[in-house]
Amino acid sequence: MKLGLEVHVHAVDGHQYSLIGTSIHIVRIVKSNRQQSARQLQSNFVQSTGTVAIIKTIKRALHEAGYHSRVAVRKPLISAKNRRDRLQWCRQHQGWTDEQWKNVIWSDESRFTLFKSDGRTRVWRLPKEKYDIDCVVPTVKHGGGGVMVWIVLHGNL
């Protein structure tokens, strides 16, 4: 990511100024809330700096810093406690042999909804941030009609 890019902004007095480092401030605003629109970013920039910048300028600064507006990945909500518990479980079992894993019964269930709403949310992110927690939209199971599928697997079958 390039920082300290030259950004041209128009001040309240009508003059155009070149502000080096303004893109760093714009990136900080984006990182505070990845789901804000370009118009909200512009408003937050004006409020925090007192300098007027058009939306096109905000977008250009973000693009030059490597950020692009993308549809957020939808992933099931996993709480911080659940994340810690899962990591602890993985660490406890990382040295298991194939023979030990064959004695485990695995089960899984999936719900397939029949009427899925699109509800796409856009976020500002770098290419490598696709699965960062700030760049995904958590999902939870809810109604709307669907089919539940359940499967059980065992290593000795």
C-alpha atoms as a PDB file:
ATOM      1  CA  MET A   1       0.000   0.000   0.000  1.00  0.00           C
ATOM      2  CA  LYS A   2       1.321   3.414  -0.903  1.00  0.00           C
ATOM      3  CA  LEU A   3       1.011   5.989   1.850  1.00  0.00           C
ATOM      4  CA  GLY A   4       1.422   9.710   1.738  1.00  0.00           C
ATOM      5  CA  LEU A   5      -0.033  10.049  -1.738  1.00  0.00           C
ATOM      6  CA  GLU A   6      -0.655  13.482  -3.136  1.00  0.00           C
ATOM      7  CA  VAL A   7      -4.355  14.300  -3.021  1.00  0.00           C
ATOM      8  CA  HIS A   8      -5.875  17.420  -4.554  1.00  0.00           C
ATOM      9  CA  VAL A   9      -8.721  18.885  -2.523  1.00  0.00           C
ATOM     10  CA  HIS A  10     -10.811  22.009  -2.739  1.00  0.00           C
ATOM     11  CA  ALA A  11     -10.961  24.091   0.407  1.00  0.00           C
ATOM     12  CA  VAL A  12     -13.959  26.092   1.523  1.00  0.00           C
ATOM     13  CA  ASP A  13     -12.334  29.250   0.124  1.00  0.00           C
ATOM     14  CA  GLY A  14     -12.570  27.760  -3.401  1.00  0.00           C
ATOM     15  CA  HIS A  15      -8.843  27.159  -3.915  1.00  0.00           C
ATOM     16  CA  GLN A  16      -7.384  23.796  -4.902  1.00  0.00           C
ATOM     17  CA  TYR A  17      -4.696  22.471  -2.563  1.00  0.00           C
ATOM     18  CA  SER A  18      -2.351  19.521  -2.850  1.00  0.00           C
ATOM     19  CA  LEU A  19      -2.126  17.745   0.473  1.00  0.00           C
ATOM     20  CA  ILE A  20       0.551  15.107   0.879  1.00  0.00           C
ATOM     21  CA  GLY A  21      -0.468  12.545   3.469  1.00  0.00           C
ATOM     22  CA  THR A  22      -4.197  13.134   3.108  1.00  0.00           C
ATOM     23  CA  SER A  23      -4.624   9.625   1.726  1.00  0.00           C
ATOM     24  CA  ILE A  24      -3.327   8.258   5.036  1.00  0.00           C
ATOM     25  CA  HIS A  25      -6.187  10.054   6.766  1.00  0.00           C
ATOM     26  CA  ILE A  26      -8.712   8.759   4.212  1.00  0.00           C
ATOM     27  CA  VAL A  27      -7.447   5.187   4.726  1.00  0.00           C
ATOM     28  CA  ARG A  28      -7.834   5.612   8.515  1.00  0.00           C
ATOM     29  CA  ILE A  29     -11.436   6.709   7.989  1.00  0.00           C
ATOM     30  CA  VAL A  30     -12.086   3.628   5.823  1.00  0.00           C
ATOM     31  CA  LYS A  31     -10.532   1.301   8.412  1.00  0.00           C
ATOM     32  CA  SER A  32     -12.802   2.732  11.133  1.00  0.00           C
ATOM     33  CA  ASN A  33     -15.858   1.410   9.247  1.00  0.00           C
ATOM     34  CA  ARG A  34     -15.354  -0.691   6.115  1.00  0.00           C
ATOM     35  CA  GLN A  35     -19.047  -0.596   5.218  1.00  0.00           C
ATOM     36  CA  GLN A  36     -19.440   3.147   4.802  1.00  0.00           C
ATOM     37  CA  SER A  37     -20.351   4.478   1.382  1.00  0.00           C
ATOM     38  CA  ALA A  38     -18.167   6.881  -0.586  1.00  0.00           C
ATOM     39  CA  ARG A  39     -20.587   9.667   0.349  1.00  0.00           C
ATOM     40  CA  GLN A  40     -20.226   8.801   4.059  1.00  0.00           C
ATOM     41  CA  LEU A  41     -16.430   8.720   3.648  1.00  0.00           C
ATOM     42  CA  GLN A  42     -16.552  12.149   2.084  1.00  0.00           C
ATOM     43  CA  SER A  43     -18.699  13.490   4.920  1.00  0.00           C
ATOM     44  CA  ASN A  44     -16.370  12.005   7.571  1.00  0.00           C
ATOM     45  CA  PHE A  45     -13.338  13.446   5.784  1.00  0.00           C
ATOM     46  CA  VAL A  46     -14.880  16.927   5.668  1.00  0.00           C
ATOM     47  CA  GLN A  47     -15.920  16.716   9.347  1.00  0.00           C
ATOM     48  CA  SER A  48     -12.472  15.621  10.520  1.00  0.00           C
ATOM     49  CA  THR A  49     -10.355  17.955   8.360  1.00  0.00           C
ATOM     50  CA  GLY A  50     -12.576  20.901   7.489  1.00  0.00           C
ATOM     51  CA  THR A  51     -11.476  20.412   3.874  1.00  0.00           C
ATOM     52  CA  VAL A  52     -13.975  19.721   1.100  1.00  0.00           C
ATOM     53  CA  ALA A  53     -13.114  16.862  -1.257  1.00  0.00           C
ATOM     54  CA  ILE A  54     -15.412  15.525  -3.963  1.00  0.00           C
ATOM     55  CA  ILE A  55     -16.346  11.842  -3.897  1.00  0.00           C
ATOM     56  CA  LYS A  56     -14.265  11.188  -7.009  1.00  0.00           C
ATOM     57  CA  THR A  57     -11.184  12.463  -5.150  1.00  0.00           C
ATOM     58  CA  ILE A  58     -11.917  10.201  -2.160  1.00  0.00           C
ATOM     59  CA  LYS A  59     -12.325   7.169  -4.444  1.00  0.00           C
ATOM     60  CA  ARG A  60      -9.151   7.994  -6.386  1.00  0.00           C
ATOM     61  CA  ALA A  61      -7.124   8.282  -3.179  1.00  0.00           C
ATOM     62  CA  LEU A  62      -8.465   4.911  -1.991  1.00  0.00           C
ATOM     63  CA  HIS A  63      -7.805   3.245  -5.360  1.00  0.00           C
ATOM     64  CA  GLU A  64      -4.245   4.568  -5.404  1.00  0.00           C
ATOM     65  CA  ALA A  65      -3.765   3.149  -1.886  1.00  0.00           C
ATOM     66  CA  GLY A  66      -5.029  -0.243  -3.129  1.00  0.00           C
ATOM     67  CA  TYR A  67      -8.574  -0.117  -1.715  1.00  0.00           C
ATOM     68  CA  HIS A  68     -11.573  -0.937  -3.869  1.00  0.00           C
ATOM     69  CA  SER A  69     -15.264  -1.249  -3.097  1.00  0.00           C
ATOM     70  CA  ARG A  70     -16.218  -4.928  -3.227  1.00  0.00           C
ATOM     71  CA  VAL A  71     -19.223  -6.996  -2.216  1.00  0.00           C
ATOM     72  CA  ALA A  72     -18.522  -8.332   1.282  1.00  0.00           C
ATOM     73  CA  VAL A  73     -18.130 -12.078   1.730  1.00  0.00           C
ATOM     74  CA  ARG A  74     -20.999 -13.595   3.731  1.00  0.00           C
ATOM     75  CA  LYS A  75     -19.826 -15.968   6.462  1.00  0.00           C
ATOM     76  CA  PRO A  76     -21.534 -17.460   9.534  1.00  0.00           C
ATOM     77  CA  LEU A  77     -21.152 -15.354  12.664  1.00  0.00           C
ATOM     78  CA  ILE A  78     -18.490 -16.791  14.990  1.00  0.00           C
ATOM     79  CA  SER A  79     -18.165 -15.084  18.357  1.00  0.00           C
ATOM     80  CA  ALA A  80     -14.783 -14.213  19.877  1.00  0.00           C
ATOM     81  CA  LYS A  81     -15.293 -16.915  22.541  1.00  0.00           C
ATOM     82  CA  ASN A  82     -16.134 -19.520  19.902  1.00  0.00           C
ATOM     83  CA  ARG A  83     -13.019 -18.521  17.915  1.00  0.00           C
ATOM     84  CA  ARG A  84     -10.831 -18.962  21.025  1.00  0.00           C
ATOM     85  CA  ASP A  85     -12.466 -22.339  21.829  1.00  0.00           C
ATOM     86  CA  ARG A  86     -11.966 -23.595  18.261  1.00  0.00           C
ATOM     87  CA  LEU A  87      -8.310 -22.577  18.236  1.00  0.00           C
ATOM     88  CA  GLN A  88      -7.725 -24.260  21.601  1.00  0.00           C
ATOM     89  CA  TRP A  89      -9.388 -27.471  20.327  1.00  0.00           C
ATOM     90  CA  CYS A  90      -7.195 -27.441  17.190  1.00  0.00           C
ATOM     91  CA  ARG A  91      -4.026 -26.995  19.221  1.00  0.00           C
ATOM     92  CA  GLN A  92      -5.011 -29.873  21.529  1.00  0.00           C
ATOM     93  CA  HIS A  93      -5.571 -32.246  18.587  1.00  0.00           C
ATOM     94  CA  GLN A  94      -2.894 -31.169  16.090  1.00  0.00           C
ATOM     95  CA  GLY A  95      -0.612 -34.091  16.955  1.00  0.00           C
ATOM     96  CA  TRP A  96      -3.236 -36.827  16.588  1.00  0.00           C
ATOM     97  CA  THR A  97      -2.448 -39.813  14.365  1.00  0.00           C
ATOM     98  CA  ASP A  98      -4.662 -41.180  11.573  1.00  0.00           C
ATOM     99  CA  GLU A  99      -5.643 -44.054  13.885  1.00  0.00           C
ATOM    100  CA  GLN A 100      -6.913 -41.631  16.532  1.00  0.00           C
ATOM    101  CA  TRP A 101      -8.921 -39.669  13.956  1.00  0.00           C
ATOM    102  CA  LYS A 102     -10.546 -42.900  12.692  1.00  0.00           C
ATOM    103  CA  ASN A 103     -12.283 -43.222  16.083  1.00  0.00           C
ATOM    104  CA  VAL A 104     -14.062 -39.880  15.699  1.00  0.00           C
ATOM    105  CA  ILE A 105     -17.616 -39.621  14.402  1.00  0.00           C
ATOM    106  CA  TRP A 106     -18.144 -36.477  12.326  1.00  0.00           C
ATOM    107  CA  SER A 107     -21.517 -34.902  11.700  1.00  0.00           C
ATOM    108  CA  ASP A 108     -22.546 -31.843   9.799  1.00  0.00           C
ATOM    109  CA  GLU A 109     -25.733 -30.115   8.870  1.00  0.00           C
ATOM    110  CA  SER A 110     -26.465 -27.560   6.200  1.00  0.00           C
ATOM    111  CA  ARG A 111     -29.539 -25.498   5.521  1.00  0.00           C
ATOM    112  CA  PHE A 112     -30.309 -24.604   1.937  1.00  0.00           C
ATOM    113  CA  THR A 113     -32.703 -21.693   1.680  1.00  0.00           C
ATOM    114  CA  LEU A 114     -35.244 -21.595  -1.102  1.00  0.00           C
ATOM    115  CA  PHE A 115     -35.765 -17.839  -1.111  1.00  0.00           C
ATOM    116  CA  LYS A 116     -32.426 -16.168  -0.516  1.00  0.00           C
ATOM    117  CA  SER A 117     -32.341 -12.396  -0.364  1.00  0.00           C
ATOM    118  CA  ASP A 118     -29.431 -10.801  -2.215  1.00  0.00           C
ATOM    119  CA  GLY A 119     -28.811  -8.045   0.341  1.00  0.00           C
ATOM    120  CA  ARG A 120     -25.262  -7.367  -0.852  1.00  0.00           C
ATOM    121  CA  THR A 121     -23.084  -5.166   1.331  1.00  0.00           C
ATOM    122  CA  ARG A 122     -20.086  -3.374  -0.108  1.00  0.00           C
ATOM    123  CA  VAL A 123     -16.849  -2.833   1.835  1.00  0.00           C
ATOM    124  CA  TRP A 124     -13.596  -1.018   1.128  1.00  0.00           C
ATOM    125  CA  ARG A 125     -10.682  -3.454   1.273  1.00  0.00           C
ATOM    126  CA  LEU A 126      -7.291  -4.388  -0.089  1.00  0.00           C
ATOM    127  CA  PRO A 127      -7.139  -7.509  -2.313  1.00  0.00           C
ATOM    128  CA  LYS A 128      -5.560  -9.602   0.462  1.00  0.00           C
ATOM    129  CA  GLU A 129      -8.254  -8.604   2.996  1.00  0.00           C
ATOM    130  CA  LYS A 130     -11.148 -10.586   1.490  1.00  0.00           C
ATOM    131  CA  TYR A 131     -11.644 -12.692   4.637  1.00  0.00           C
ATOM    132  CA  ASP A 132     -10.574 -10.131   7.280  1.00  0.00           C
ATOM    133  CA  ILE A 133     -13.206  -9.849   9.990  1.00  0.00           C
ATOM    134  CA  ASP A 134     -13.784  -6.180   9.161  1.00  0.00           C
ATOM    135  CA  CYS A 135     -14.514  -7.063   5.537  1.00  0.00           C
ATOM    136  CA  VAL A 136     -17.062  -9.886   5.873  1.00  0.00           C
ATOM    137  CA  VAL A 137     -20.781  -9.764   6.617  1.00  0.00           C
ATOM    138  CA  PRO A 138     -21.741 -12.254   9.334  1.00  0.00           C
ATOM    139  CA  THR A 139     -24.797 -14.372   8.615  1.00  0.00           C
ATOM    140  CA  VAL A 140     -27.160 -16.110  11.001  1.00  0.00           C
ATOM    141  CA  LYS A 141     -29.711 -18.824  10.314  1.00  0.00           C
ATOM    142  CA  HIS A 142     -33.275 -17.609   9.981  1.00  0.00           C
ATOM    143  CA  GLY A 143     -36.571 -18.377   8.284  1.00  0.00           C
ATOM    144  CA  GLY A 144     -37.516 -18.010   4.655  1.00  0.00           C
ATOM    145  CA  GLY A 145     -38.108 -21.646   3.757  1.00  0.00           C
ATOM    146  CA  GLY A 146     -35.474 -24.223   3.019  1.00  0.00           C
ATOM    147  CA  VAL A 147     -34.194 -27.757   3.361  1.00  0.00           C
ATOM    148  CA  MET A 148     -31.993 -29.086   6.187  1.00  0.00           C
ATOM    149  CA  VAL A 149     -29.500 -31.832   5.279  1.00  0.00           C
ATOM    150  CA  TRP A 150     -27.645 -33.837   7.958  1.00  0.00           C
ATOM    151  CA  ILE A 151     -24.757 -36.287   7.424  1.00  0.00           C
ATOM    152  CA  VAL A 152     -22.636 -38.494   9.708  1.00  0.00           C
ATOM    153  CA  LEU A 153     -19.176 -39.788   8.732  1.00  0.00           C
ATOM    154  CA  HIS A 154     -16.892 -42.234  10.530  1.00  0.00           C
ATOM    155  CA  GLY A 155     -13.328 -43.251   9.661  1.00  0.00           C
ATOM    156  CA  ASN A 156     -13.977 -47.019   9.999  1.00  0.00           C
ATOM    157  CA  LEU A 157     -16.980 -47.201   7.672  1.00  0.00           C
END
